[in-house]
Amino acid sequence: MLSSGTNLLMQGQFTINTITNISRLAFCVASIFLIILATLLIVSGTIGLVSAFIVSLDDGREEIVQAISYVVIAVAVFDVAKYFIEEEVLRPKEKQSLSEARVSLTKFMTTIIIAVFIEGLVGVFERSGKAPEDILFPAALLIVATFMVIALGVYQKFSVSAEGEKKEKDIPE
């Protein structure tokens, strides 16, 4: 017969496993939904591009810039979904090493930074021809992306330093 302490421990483990499985399911569903939305964004951009070219070449040129923006956003959304699947659905919830966490977060942030840079560049090109006074927002995106790169560099430096200190002190990860 199991003691009451063992029984409570087993119930606690069951609850943790249940919550973990529900969490993984939620991330899986959210990731699938993000992938569908990103695909729809690319399809929408393609339809807009083709229909604009049918009307006129001038409209088509403007739609190219919009399609680029849609594809960049879609790729960023795909990457978020991929990150959720890799980190929250497939990866076992065992302790992740500092270097694994750094590499994973760096890849994720790099994709987001690239998307912000491209969106800013597309916005600058888009606004400069039509309404130069509206160039402030896309320029601000480029500044934000630059600060994101700096912040990622600072994170990398501190993260690598922490890994080095851990190895020097021979602390297990």
C-alpha atoms as a PDB file:
ATOM      1  CA  MET A   1       0.000   0.000   0.000  1.00  0.00           C
ATOM      2  CA  LEU A   2       1.265   3.489  -0.851  1.00  0.00           C
ATOM      3  CA  SER A   3       1.780   6.008   1.913  1.00  0.00           C
ATOM      4  CA  SER A   4      -0.170   9.248   1.794  1.00  0.00           C
ATOM      5  CA  GLY A   5       3.053  11.207   1.086  1.00  0.00           C
ATOM      6  CA  THR A   6       3.823   9.060  -1.948  1.00  0.00           C
ATOM      7  CA  ASN A   7       0.231   9.399  -3.117  1.00  0.00           C
ATOM      8  CA  LEU A   8       0.384  13.212  -2.877  1.00  0.00           C
ATOM      9  CA  LEU A   9       3.708  13.206  -4.716  1.00  0.00           C
ATOM     10  CA  MET A  10       2.217  11.114  -7.535  1.00  0.00           C
ATOM     11  CA  GLN A  11      -0.809  13.432  -7.750  1.00  0.00           C
ATOM     12  CA  GLY A  12       1.504  16.468  -7.913  1.00  0.00           C
ATOM     13  CA  GLN A  13       3.521  14.860 -10.706  1.00  0.00           C
ATOM     14  CA  PHE A  14       0.292  14.038 -12.550  1.00  0.00           C
ATOM     15  CA  THR A  15      -0.797  17.682 -12.268  1.00  0.00           C
ATOM     16  CA  ILE A  16       2.574  18.960 -13.532  1.00  0.00           C
ATOM     17  CA  ASN A  17       2.486  16.535 -16.472  1.00  0.00           C
ATOM     18  CA  THR A  18      -1.089  17.530 -17.286  1.00  0.00           C
ATOM     19  CA  ILE A  19      -0.262  21.238 -17.232  1.00  0.00           C
ATOM     20  CA  THR A  20       2.842  20.625 -19.362  1.00  0.00           C
ATOM     21  CA  ASN A  21       0.810  18.674 -21.929  1.00  0.00           C
ATOM     22  CA  ILE A  22      -1.908  21.342 -22.045  1.00  0.00           C
ATOM     23  CA  SER A  23       0.765  24.000 -22.494  1.00  0.00           C
ATOM     24  CA  ARG A  24       2.406  22.047 -25.331  1.00  0.00           C
ATOM     25  CA  LEU A  25      -0.970  21.573 -27.002  1.00  0.00           C
ATOM     26  CA  ALA A  26      -1.718  25.315 -26.741  1.00  0.00           C
ATOM     27  CA  PHE A  27       1.645  26.213 -28.278  1.00  0.00           C
ATOM     28  CA  CYS A  28       1.108  23.631 -31.025  1.00  0.00           C
ATOM     29  CA  VAL A  29      -2.345  24.996 -31.902  1.00  0.00           C
ATOM     30  CA  ALA A  30      -1.072  28.592 -31.788  1.00  0.00           C
ATOM     31  CA  SER A  31       1.862  27.658 -34.033  1.00  0.00           C
ATOM     32  CA  ILE A  32      -0.376  25.978 -36.589  1.00  0.00           C
ATOM     33  CA  PHE A  33      -2.660  29.032 -36.575  1.00  0.00           C
ATOM     34  CA  LEU A  34       0.347  31.343 -37.080  1.00  0.00           C
ATOM     35  CA  ILE A  35       1.569  29.225 -40.008  1.00  0.00           C
ATOM     36  CA  ILE A  36      -1.892  29.386 -41.610  1.00  0.00           C
ATOM     37  CA  LEU A  37      -2.043  33.171 -41.145  1.00  0.00           C
ATOM     38  CA  ALA A  38       1.456  33.643 -42.574  1.00  0.00           C
ATOM     39  CA  THR A  39       0.524  31.519 -45.587  1.00  0.00           C
ATOM     40  CA  LEU A  40      -2.627  33.578 -46.097  1.00  0.00           C
ATOM     41  CA  LEU A  41      -0.542  36.756 -45.933  1.00  0.00           C
ATOM     42  CA  ILE A  42       1.746  35.483 -48.707  1.00  0.00           C
ATOM     43  CA  VAL A  43      -1.251  34.385 -50.789  1.00  0.00           C
ATOM     44  CA  SER A  44      -2.897  37.779 -50.266  1.00  0.00           C
ATOM     45  CA  GLY A  45       0.287  39.580 -51.327  1.00  0.00           C
ATOM     46  CA  THR A  46       0.587  37.395 -54.407  1.00  0.00           C
ATOM     47  CA  ILE A  47      -3.032  37.991 -55.420  1.00  0.00           C
ATOM     48  CA  GLY A  48      -2.600  41.747 -54.917  1.00  0.00           C
ATOM     49  CA  LEU A  49       0.600  41.716 -56.966  1.00  0.00           C
ATOM     50  CA  VAL A  50      -0.900  39.773 -59.865  1.00  0.00           C
ATOM     51  CA  SER A  51      -4.106  41.828 -59.938  1.00  0.00           C
ATOM     52  CA  ALA A  52      -2.112  45.098 -59.830  1.00  0.00           C
ATOM     53  CA  PHE A  53       0.022  44.014 -62.787  1.00  0.00           C
ATOM     54  CA  ILE A  54      -3.138  43.174 -64.706  1.00  0.00           C
ATOM     55  CA  VAL A  55      -4.375  46.754 -64.206  1.00  0.00           C
ATOM     56  CA  SER A  56      -1.105  48.585 -64.996  1.00  0.00           C
ATOM     57  CA  LEU A  57       2.652  48.373 -64.665  1.00  0.00           C
ATOM     58  CA  ASP A  58       2.763  51.425 -62.369  1.00  0.00           C
ATOM     59  CA  ASP A  59       0.345  49.807 -59.938  1.00  0.00           C
ATOM     60  CA  GLY A  60       2.406  46.618 -60.192  1.00  0.00           C
ATOM     61  CA  ARG A  61       5.597  48.401 -59.153  1.00  0.00           C
ATOM     62  CA  GLU A  62       3.942  49.779 -56.038  1.00  0.00           C
ATOM     63  CA  GLU A  63       2.455  46.387 -55.249  1.00  0.00           C
ATOM     64  CA  ILE A  64       5.915  44.774 -55.434  1.00  0.00           C
ATOM     65  CA  VAL A  65       7.013  46.805 -52.426  1.00  0.00           C
ATOM     66  CA  GLN A  66       3.839  45.813 -50.582  1.00  0.00           C
ATOM     67  CA  ALA A  67       4.356  42.144 -51.488  1.00  0.00           C
ATOM     68  CA  ILE A  68       7.922  42.284 -50.154  1.00  0.00           C
ATOM     69  CA  SER A  69       6.563  43.665 -46.904  1.00  0.00           C
ATOM     70  CA  TYR A  70       3.984  40.858 -46.694  1.00  0.00           C
ATOM     71  CA  VAL A  71       6.585  38.168 -47.344  1.00  0.00           C
ATOM     72  CA  VAL A  72       8.973  39.597 -44.737  1.00  0.00           C
ATOM     73  CA  ILE A  73       6.226  39.717 -42.127  1.00  0.00           C
ATOM     74  CA  ALA A  74       5.121  36.193 -43.072  1.00  0.00           C
ATOM     75  CA  VAL A  75       8.666  34.844 -42.719  1.00  0.00           C
ATOM     76  CA  ALA A  76       8.945  36.450 -39.277  1.00  0.00           C
ATOM     77  CA  VAL A  77       5.606  34.900 -38.278  1.00  0.00           C
ATOM     78  CA  PHE A  78       6.739  31.502 -39.628  1.00  0.00           C
ATOM     79  CA  ASP A  79       9.892  31.820 -37.532  1.00  0.00           C
ATOM     80  CA  VAL A  80       7.879  32.604 -34.404  1.00  0.00           C
ATOM     81  CA  ALA A  81       5.768  29.501 -35.064  1.00  0.00           C
ATOM     82  CA  LYS A  82       8.910  27.424 -35.665  1.00  0.00           C
ATOM     83  CA  TYR A  83      10.429  28.740 -32.428  1.00  0.00           C
ATOM     84  CA  PHE A  84       7.274  27.800 -30.491  1.00  0.00           C
ATOM     85  CA  ILE A  85       7.258  24.316 -31.994  1.00  0.00           C
ATOM     86  CA  GLU A  86      10.964  23.697 -31.381  1.00  0.00           C
ATOM     87  CA  GLU A  87      11.168  25.214 -27.897  1.00  0.00           C
ATOM     88  CA  GLU A  88       7.727  24.622 -26.406  1.00  0.00           C
ATOM     89  CA  VAL A  89       6.278  21.583 -28.174  1.00  0.00           C
ATOM     90  CA  LEU A  90       9.132  19.267 -29.183  1.00  0.00           C
ATOM     91  CA  ARG A  91      11.912  20.087 -26.724  1.00  0.00           C
ATOM     92  CA  PRO A  92      11.781  18.136 -23.500  1.00  0.00           C
ATOM     93  CA  LYS A  93      11.377  20.401 -20.508  1.00  0.00           C
ATOM     94  CA  GLU A  94      14.693  19.354 -19.047  1.00  0.00           C
ATOM     95  CA  LYS A  95      17.121  22.019 -18.001  1.00  0.00           C
ATOM     96  CA  GLN A  96      18.526  23.837 -21.025  1.00  0.00           C
ATOM     97  CA  SER A  97      22.193  24.860 -20.939  1.00  0.00           C
ATOM     98  CA  LEU A  98      23.117  28.529 -21.105  1.00  0.00           C
ATOM     99  CA  SER A  99      24.707  28.127 -24.526  1.00  0.00           C
ATOM    100  CA  GLU A 100      21.629  26.333 -25.934  1.00  0.00           C
ATOM    101  CA  ALA A 101      19.359  29.076 -24.609  1.00  0.00           C
ATOM    102  CA  ARG A 102      21.656  31.778 -26.029  1.00  0.00           C
ATOM    103  CA  VAL A 103      21.814  30.185 -29.478  1.00  0.00           C
ATOM    104  CA  SER A 104      18.059  29.624 -29.590  1.00  0.00           C
ATOM    105  CA  LEU A 105      17.188  33.150 -28.489  1.00  0.00           C
ATOM    106  CA  THR A 106      19.806  34.661 -30.798  1.00  0.00           C
ATOM    107  CA  LYS A 107      18.405  32.866 -33.854  1.00  0.00           C
ATOM    108  CA  PHE A 108      14.878  33.962 -32.951  1.00  0.00           C
ATOM    109  CA  MET A 109      15.846  37.590 -32.308  1.00  0.00           C
ATOM    110  CA  THR A 110      17.952  37.753 -35.472  1.00  0.00           C
ATOM    111  CA  THR A 111      14.916  36.851 -37.568  1.00  0.00           C
ATOM    112  CA  ILE A 112      12.817  39.503 -35.847  1.00  0.00           C
ATOM    113  CA  ILE A 113      15.566  42.123 -36.254  1.00  0.00           C
ATOM    114  CA  ILE A 114      15.920  41.359 -39.964  1.00  0.00           C
ATOM    115  CA  ALA A 115      12.147  41.663 -40.383  1.00  0.00           C
ATOM    116  CA  VAL A 116      12.121  45.040 -38.613  1.00  0.00           C
ATOM    117  CA  PHE A 117      15.047  46.290 -40.741  1.00  0.00           C
ATOM    118  CA  ILE A 118      13.414  45.185 -43.992  1.00  0.00           C
ATOM    119  CA  GLU A 119      10.048  46.618 -42.969  1.00  0.00           C
ATOM    120  CA  GLY A 120      11.777  49.923 -42.181  1.00  0.00           C
ATOM    121  CA  LEU A 121      13.607  49.935 -45.514  1.00  0.00           C
ATOM    122  CA  VAL A 122      10.448  49.069 -47.436  1.00  0.00           C
ATOM    123  CA  GLY A 123       8.639  51.861 -45.582  1.00  0.00           C
ATOM    124  CA  VAL A 124      11.365  54.385 -46.412  1.00  0.00           C
ATOM    125  CA  PHE A 125      11.235  53.485 -50.106  1.00  0.00           C
ATOM    126  CA  GLU A 126       7.443  53.492 -50.091  1.00  0.00           C
ATOM    127  CA  ARG A 127       7.093  56.866 -48.332  1.00  0.00           C
ATOM    128  CA  SER A 128       9.959  58.689 -50.029  1.00  0.00           C
ATOM    129  CA  GLY A 129       8.232  58.587 -53.404  1.00  0.00           C
ATOM    130  CA  LYS A 130       4.698  59.342 -52.251  1.00  0.00           C
ATOM    131  CA  ALA A 131       4.790  61.386 -49.070  1.00  0.00           C
ATOM    132  CA  PRO A 132       8.282  62.265 -47.810  1.00  0.00           C
ATOM    133  CA  GLU A 133       6.780  63.863 -44.694  1.00  0.00           C
ATOM    134  CA  ASP A 134       5.583  60.389 -43.617  1.00  0.00           C
ATOM    135  CA  ILE A 135       9.103  58.954 -43.581  1.00  0.00           C
ATOM    136  CA  LEU A 136       9.446  59.408 -39.814  1.00  0.00           C
ATOM    137  CA  PHE A 137       7.781  56.101 -38.837  1.00  0.00           C
ATOM    138  CA  PRO A 138       9.876  53.885 -41.148  1.00  0.00           C
ATOM    139  CA  ALA A 139      13.008  55.757 -40.083  1.00  0.00           C
ATOM    140  CA  ALA A 140      12.062  55.118 -36.455  1.00  0.00           C
ATOM    141  CA  LEU A 141      11.767  51.400 -37.293  1.00  0.00           C
ATOM    142  CA  LEU A 142      15.335  51.446 -38.590  1.00  0.00           C
ATOM    143  CA  ILE A 143      16.508  53.136 -35.382  1.00  0.00           C
ATOM    144  CA  VAL A 144      14.618  50.584 -33.263  1.00  0.00           C
ATOM    145  CA  ALA A 145      16.147  47.725 -35.259  1.00  0.00           C
ATOM    146  CA  THR A 146      19.604  49.224 -34.678  1.00  0.00           C
ATOM    147  CA  PHE A 147      18.970  49.331 -30.920  1.00  0.00           C
ATOM    148  CA  MET A 148      17.747  45.737 -31.099  1.00  0.00           C
ATOM    149  CA  VAL A 149      21.070  44.712 -32.673  1.00  0.00           C
ATOM    150  CA  ILE A 150      22.974  46.571 -29.953  1.00  0.00           C
ATOM    151  CA  ALA A 151      20.832  44.954 -27.235  1.00  0.00           C
ATOM    152  CA  LEU A 152      21.389  41.508 -28.759  1.00  0.00           C
ATOM    153  CA  GLY A 153      25.139  42.161 -28.795  1.00  0.00           C
ATOM    154  CA  VAL A 154      25.068  43.165 -25.116  1.00  0.00           C
ATOM    155  CA  TYR A 155      23.036  40.031 -24.319  1.00  0.00           C
ATOM    156  CA  GLN A 156      25.569  37.900 -26.223  1.00  0.00           C
ATOM    157  CA  LYS A 157      28.490  39.458 -24.347  1.00  0.00           C
ATOM    158  CA  PHE A 158      26.933  38.946 -20.913  1.00  0.00           C
ATOM    159  CA  SER A 159      25.717  35.469 -21.815  1.00  0.00           C
ATOM    160  CA  VAL A 160      29.130  34.304 -23.024  1.00  0.00           C
ATOM    161  CA  SER A 161      30.746  35.863 -19.929  1.00  0.00           C
ATOM    162  CA  ALA A 162      28.296  33.983 -17.689  1.00  0.00           C
ATOM    163  CA  GLU A 163      29.080  30.730 -19.512  1.00  0.00           C
ATOM    164  CA  GLY A 164      32.797  31.340 -19.039  1.00  0.00           C
ATOM    165  CA  GLU A 165      32.383  32.051 -15.323  1.00  0.00           C
ATOM    166  CA  LYS A 166      30.331  28.913 -14.933  1.00  0.00           C
ATOM    167  CA  LYS A 167      33.036  26.816 -16.612  1.00  0.00           C
ATOM    168  CA  GLU A 168      35.790  28.425 -14.502  1.00  0.00           C
ATOM    169  CA  LYS A 169      33.934  27.628 -11.297  1.00  0.00           C
ATOM    170  CA  ASP A 170      33.080  24.162 -12.676  1.00  0.00           C
ATOM    171  CA  ILE A 171      29.379  24.639 -11.975  1.00  0.00           C
ATOM    172  CA  PRO A 172      27.226  22.079 -13.827  1.00  0.00           C
ATOM    173  CA  GLU A 173      24.758  23.535 -16.339  1.00  0.00           C
END
